C-alpha atoms as a PDB file:
ATOM      1  CA  MET A   1      57.631 -10.655  36.178  1.00  0.00           C
ATOM      2  CA  ARG A   2      59.257 -12.640  38.628  1.00  0.00           C
ATOM      3  CA  LEU A   3      60.368 -11.370  42.165  1.00  0.00           C
ATOM      4  CA  ILE A   4      63.510 -11.707  43.627  1.00  0.00           C
ATOM      5  CA  LYS A   5      63.340 -11.711  47.516  1.00  0.00           C
ATOM      6  CA  GLU A   6      66.625  -9.676  48.003  1.00  0.00           C
ATOM      7  CA  LEU A   7      67.993  -6.346  47.520  1.00  0.00           C
ATOM      8  CA  LEU A   8      69.138  -5.131  44.201  1.00  0.00           C
ATOM      9  CA  ARG A   9      72.915  -4.403  43.814  1.00  0.00           C
ATOM     10  CA  TYR A  10      74.291  -2.296  41.206  1.00  0.00           C
ATOM     11  CA  PRO A  11      77.060  -3.647  39.410  1.00  0.00           C
ATOM     12  CA  SER A  12      79.857  -1.104  38.495  1.00  0.00           C
ATOM     13  CA  VAL A  13      80.572  -3.138  35.065  1.00  0.00           C
ATOM     14  CA  ARG A  14      78.386  -3.427  32.217  1.00  0.00           C
ATOM     15  CA  VAL A  15      76.719  -6.764  32.089  1.00  0.00           C
ATOM     16  CA  PRO A  16      75.314  -7.648  28.641  1.00  0.00           C
ATOM     17  CA  ASN A  17      71.533  -7.853  27.880  1.00  0.00           C
ATOM     18  CA  ASN A  18      70.659  -6.712  31.614  1.00  0.00           C
ATOM     19  CA  PHE A  19      69.233  -3.433  32.613  1.00  0.00           C
ATOM     20  CA  TYR A  20      69.621  -2.049  36.071  1.00  0.00           C
ATOM     21  CA  MET A  21      67.084   0.427  36.936  1.00  0.00           C
ATOM     22  CA  CYS A  22      65.866   2.321  39.913  1.00  0.00           C
ATOM     23  CA  THR A  23      62.307   4.588  40.873  1.00  0.00           C
ATOM     24  CA  THR A  24      62.605   8.182  40.771  1.00  0.00           C
ATOM     25  CA  ASN A  25      60.769  11.629  40.713  1.00  0.00           C
ATOM     26  CA  THR A  26      60.948  14.178  38.388  1.00  0.00           C
ATOM     27  CA  VAL A  27      62.430  17.251  40.166  1.00  0.00           C
ATOM     28  CA  VAL A  28      65.368  18.818  38.810  1.00  0.00           C
ATOM     29  CA  LYS A  29      67.602  20.628  41.126  1.00  0.00           C
ATOM     30  CA  ALA A  30      69.103  23.934  40.029  1.00  0.00           C
ATOM     31  CA  ASN A  31      72.354  22.429  39.173  1.00  0.00           C
ATOM     32  CA  GLY A  32      70.761  20.370  36.654  1.00  0.00           C
ATOM     33  CA  GLU A  33      70.440  17.141  38.327  1.00  0.00           C
ATOM     34  CA  LEU A  34      67.521  14.976  39.090  1.00  0.00           C
ATOM     35  CA  VAL A  35      66.927  14.625  42.845  1.00  0.00           C
ATOM     36  CA  MET A  36      67.860  11.225  44.063  1.00  0.00           C
ATOM     37  CA  GLY A  37      68.667  11.850  47.624  1.00  0.00           C
ATOM     38  CA  ALA A  38      67.639   8.897  49.404  1.00  0.00           C
ATOM     39  CA  GLY A  39      66.516   5.221  49.470  1.00  0.00           C
ATOM     40  CA  ASN A  40      67.146   3.067  46.177  1.00  0.00           C
ATOM     41  CA  ALA A  41      67.683   6.426  44.029  1.00  0.00           C
ATOM     42  CA  LEU A  42      70.687   7.368  46.279  1.00  0.00           C
ATOM     43  CA  ALA A  43      71.929   4.227  45.708  1.00  0.00           C
ATOM     44  CA  PHE A  44      71.596   3.856  42.199  1.00  0.00           C
ATOM     45  CA  ALA A  45      73.135   7.780  41.706  1.00  0.00           C
ATOM     46  CA  THR A  46      75.934   6.731  44.168  1.00  0.00           C
ATOM     47  CA  ALA A  47      76.889   3.741  41.654  1.00  0.00           C
ATOM     48  CA  TYR A  48      76.505   5.879  38.618  1.00  0.00           C
ATOM     49  CA  PRO A  49      77.143   9.347  39.159  1.00  0.00           C
ATOM     50  CA  TYR A  50      76.579  10.452  35.653  1.00  0.00           C
ATOM     51  CA  ALA A  51      73.132   9.332  35.971  1.00  0.00           C
ATOM     52  CA  PRO A  52      71.244  12.523  38.080  1.00  0.00           C
ATOM     53  CA  LYS A  53      72.714  14.654  34.905  1.00  0.00           C
ATOM     54  CA  TYR A  54      71.988  12.480  32.148  1.00  0.00           C
ATOM     55  CA  PHE A  55      68.053  11.205  33.631  1.00  0.00           C
ATOM     56  CA  ALA A  56      67.229  15.171  34.447  1.00  0.00           C
ATOM     57  CA  SER A  57      66.959  16.001  30.681  1.00  0.00           C
ATOM     58  CA  ARG A  58      64.156  12.864  30.482  1.00  0.00           C
ATOM     59  CA  THR A  59      61.848  13.467  33.003  1.00  0.00           C
ATOM     60  CA  ASP A  60      58.897  13.860  30.659  1.00  0.00           C
ATOM     61  CA  LEU A  61      59.195  10.147  30.086  1.00  0.00           C
ATOM     62  CA  PRO A  62      58.029   7.393  32.480  1.00  0.00           C
ATOM     63  CA  VAL A  63      60.820   5.136  31.689  1.00  0.00           C
ATOM     64  CA  SER A  64      64.047   5.662  30.266  1.00  0.00           C
ATOM     65  CA  PHE A  65      67.365   4.485  29.881  1.00  0.00           C
ATOM     66  CA  TYR A  66      71.017   5.214  29.551  1.00  0.00           C
ATOM     67  CA  ILE A  67      72.805   3.406  26.790  1.00  0.00           C
ATOM     68  CA  ARG A  68      76.534   4.122  26.153  1.00  0.00           C
ATOM     69  CA  PRO A  69      79.423   1.871  25.371  1.00  0.00           C
ATOM     70  CA  ASN A  70      81.392   0.605  28.022  1.00  0.00           C
ATOM     71  CA  LYS A  71      79.036   1.592  30.626  1.00  0.00           C
ATOM     72  CA  PRO A  72      76.439  -0.345  32.722  1.00  0.00           C
ATOM     73  CA  LEU A  73      73.178  -0.552  31.126  1.00  0.00           C
ATOM     74  CA  ILE A  74      70.700   1.825  33.240  1.00  0.00           C
ATOM     75  CA  GLY A  75      67.308   2.907  33.627  1.00  0.00           C
ATOM     76  CA  VAL A  76      64.467   4.818  35.747  1.00  0.00           C
ATOM     77  CA  PHE A  77      60.915   4.007  36.369  1.00  0.00           C
ATOM     78  CA  ARG A  78      59.139   7.303  37.537  1.00  0.00           C
ATOM     79  CA  THR A  79      56.358   6.370  40.540  1.00  0.00           C
ATOM     80  CA  LYS A  80      56.566  10.051  41.760  1.00  0.00           C
ATOM     81  CA  ARG A  81      56.069  13.913  40.396  1.00  0.00           C
ATOM     82  CA  ASN A  82      57.763  15.626  43.564  1.00  0.00           C
ATOM     83  CA  TRP A  83      59.927  13.227  45.781  1.00  0.00           C
ATOM     84  CA  ARG A  84      58.160  15.479  48.441  1.00  0.00           C
ATOM     85  CA  ASN A  85      55.112  13.525  47.669  1.00  0.00           C
ATOM     86  CA  PRO A  86      53.984   9.642  47.901  1.00  0.00           C
ATOM     87  CA  SER A  87      53.920   7.671  44.952  1.00  0.00           C
ATOM     88  CA  THR A  88      50.455   7.584  42.726  1.00  0.00           C
ATOM     89  CA  LEU A  89      49.151   4.784  41.074  1.00  0.00           C
ATOM     90  CA  ALA A  90      48.500   6.596  37.899  1.00  0.00           C
ATOM     91  CA  LEU A  91      52.268   7.175  37.559  1.00  0.00           C
ATOM     92  CA  VAL A  92      53.193   3.590  38.471  1.00  0.00           C
ATOM     93  CA  GLN A  93      50.688   2.357  35.653  1.00  0.00           C
ATOM     94  CA  GLU A  94      52.257   4.634  33.422  1.00  0.00           C
ATOM     95  CA  SER A  95      55.667   3.509  34.121  1.00  0.00           C
ATOM     96  CA  ILE A  96      54.860  -0.039  34.156  1.00  0.00           C
ATOM     97  CA  THR A  97      53.246   0.107  30.627  1.00  0.00           C
ATOM     98  CA  SER A  98      56.161   1.980  28.851  1.00  0.00           C
ATOM     99  CA  LEU A  99      58.697  -0.754  30.959  1.00  0.00           C
ATOM    100  CA  LYS A 100      56.539  -3.707  29.563  1.00  0.00           C
ATOM    101  CA  GLU A 101      56.619  -2.381  25.687  1.00  0.00           C
ATOM    102  CA  GLU A 102      60.838  -2.281  26.296  1.00  0.00           C
ATOM    103  CA  ALA A 103      60.896  -5.854  28.005  1.00  0.00           C
ATOM    104  CA  ILE A 104      58.529  -7.201  25.100  1.00  0.00           C
ATOM    105  CA  ALA A 105      60.597  -5.545  22.275  1.00  0.00           C
ATOM    106  CA  LEU A 106      63.832  -6.607  23.647  1.00  0.00           C
ATOM    107  CA  PRO A 107      62.990 -10.192  25.049  1.00  0.00           C
ATOM    108  CA  GLU A 108      66.992 -10.989  25.046  1.00  0.00           C
ATOM    109  CA  CYS A 109      67.308  -8.501  27.841  1.00  0.00           C
ATOM    110  CA  THR A 110      66.424  -8.821  31.613  1.00  0.00           C
ATOM    111  CA  PHE A 111      65.396  -5.946  33.476  1.00  0.00           C
ATOM    112  CA  HIS A 112      65.896  -5.428  37.201  1.00  0.00           C
ATOM    113  CA  LEU A 113      64.074  -2.999  39.065  1.00  0.00           C
ATOM    114  CA  PRO A 114      63.327  -2.595  42.739  1.00  0.00           C
ATOM    115  CA  PHE A 115      59.892  -3.092  43.985  1.00  0.00           C
ATOM    116  CA  PRO A 116      58.215   0.314  43.131  1.00  0.00           C
ATOM    117  CA  ALA A 117      56.348   3.149  45.016  1.00  0.00           C
ATOM    118  CA  ILE A 118      56.488   1.197  48.484  1.00  0.00           C
ATOM    119  CA  GLY A 119      58.513   2.456  51.281  1.00  0.00           C
ATOM    120  CA  ARG A 120      59.561   5.977  50.607  1.00  0.00           C
ATOM    121  CA  GLY A 121      56.884   5.837  47.920  1.00  0.00           C
ATOM    122  CA  GLY A 122      54.292   5.314  50.742  1.00  0.00           C
ATOM    123  CA  LEU A 123      52.036   2.860  48.771  1.00  0.00           C
ATOM    124  CA  PRO A 124      50.828  -0.012  50.284  1.00  0.00           C
ATOM    125  CA  ARG A 125      52.461  -3.243  48.204  1.00  0.00           C
ATOM    126  CA  THR A 126      48.953  -5.179  48.183  1.00  0.00           C
ATOM    127  CA  GLU A 127      48.233  -2.022  45.783  1.00  0.00           C
ATOM    128  CA  VAL A 128      51.496  -2.072  43.812  1.00  0.00           C
ATOM    129  CA  GLU A 129      51.941  -5.779  43.302  1.00  0.00           C
ATOM    130  CA  PRO A 130      48.989  -6.624  40.712  1.00  0.00           C
ATOM    131  CA  LEU A 131      49.723  -3.804  38.543  1.00  0.00           C
ATOM    132  CA  LEU A 132      53.479  -5.380  38.315  1.00  0.00           C
ATOM    133  CA  GLU A 133      51.926  -8.660  37.384  1.00  0.00           C
ATOM    134  CA  GLU A 134      51.405  -7.768  33.828  1.00  0.00           C
ATOM    135  CA  LEU A 135      55.195  -7.417  33.228  1.00  0.00           C
ATOM    136  CA  PRO A 136      56.695 -10.223  31.293  1.00  0.00           C
ATOM    137  CA  ASP A 137      59.311 -12.657  32.987  1.00  0.00           C
ATOM    138  CA  ASN A 138      62.501 -10.922  31.554  1.00  0.00           C
ATOM    139  CA  VAL A 139      61.164  -8.097  34.034  1.00  0.00           C
ATOM    140  CA  LEU A 140      63.209  -8.724  37.797  1.00  0.00           C
ATOM    141  CA  ILE A 141      61.531  -7.251  40.791  1.00  0.00           C
ATOM    142  CA  TYR A 142      63.505  -6.911  43.845  1.00  0.00           C
ATOM    143  CA  ILE A 143      62.178  -6.817  47.271  1.00  0.00           C
ATOM    144  CA  LYS A 144      63.847  -7.415  50.817  1.00  0.00           C
ATOM    145  CA  GLU A 145      60.919  -9.165  52.745  1.00  0.00           C
ATOM    146  CA  TYR A 146      59.838  -7.123  55.723  1.00  0.00           C
END
């Protein structure tokens, strides 16, 4: 894992071998879309308007990806069960383990992820950062210094 001291910006075009991710919950709205109404998830949903519907059908997975021709490579990293509640270290660890497996299986790819579970997630950075250290170097974690 490498820490990048800036905000993650989501490209509108496909960048080969680069997956752009956001942190999410597992709540699906009545219209069949994943709740992505604030913070990083809102920026992600704005950049990729097809993402809330697609990822709503994959809430059982801690990490999932959308891979389609001519579309940006994107993915979600679950930190919460419900958007109203804080993130949990247990779910963050489950998502880290899943992302680690993907990153090891695809060493030619780079995974871009905002620092998970802090801010709207409610967890202290000091509790989350040691867990992230098990991720390989092809995972970039973005955080704006504050």
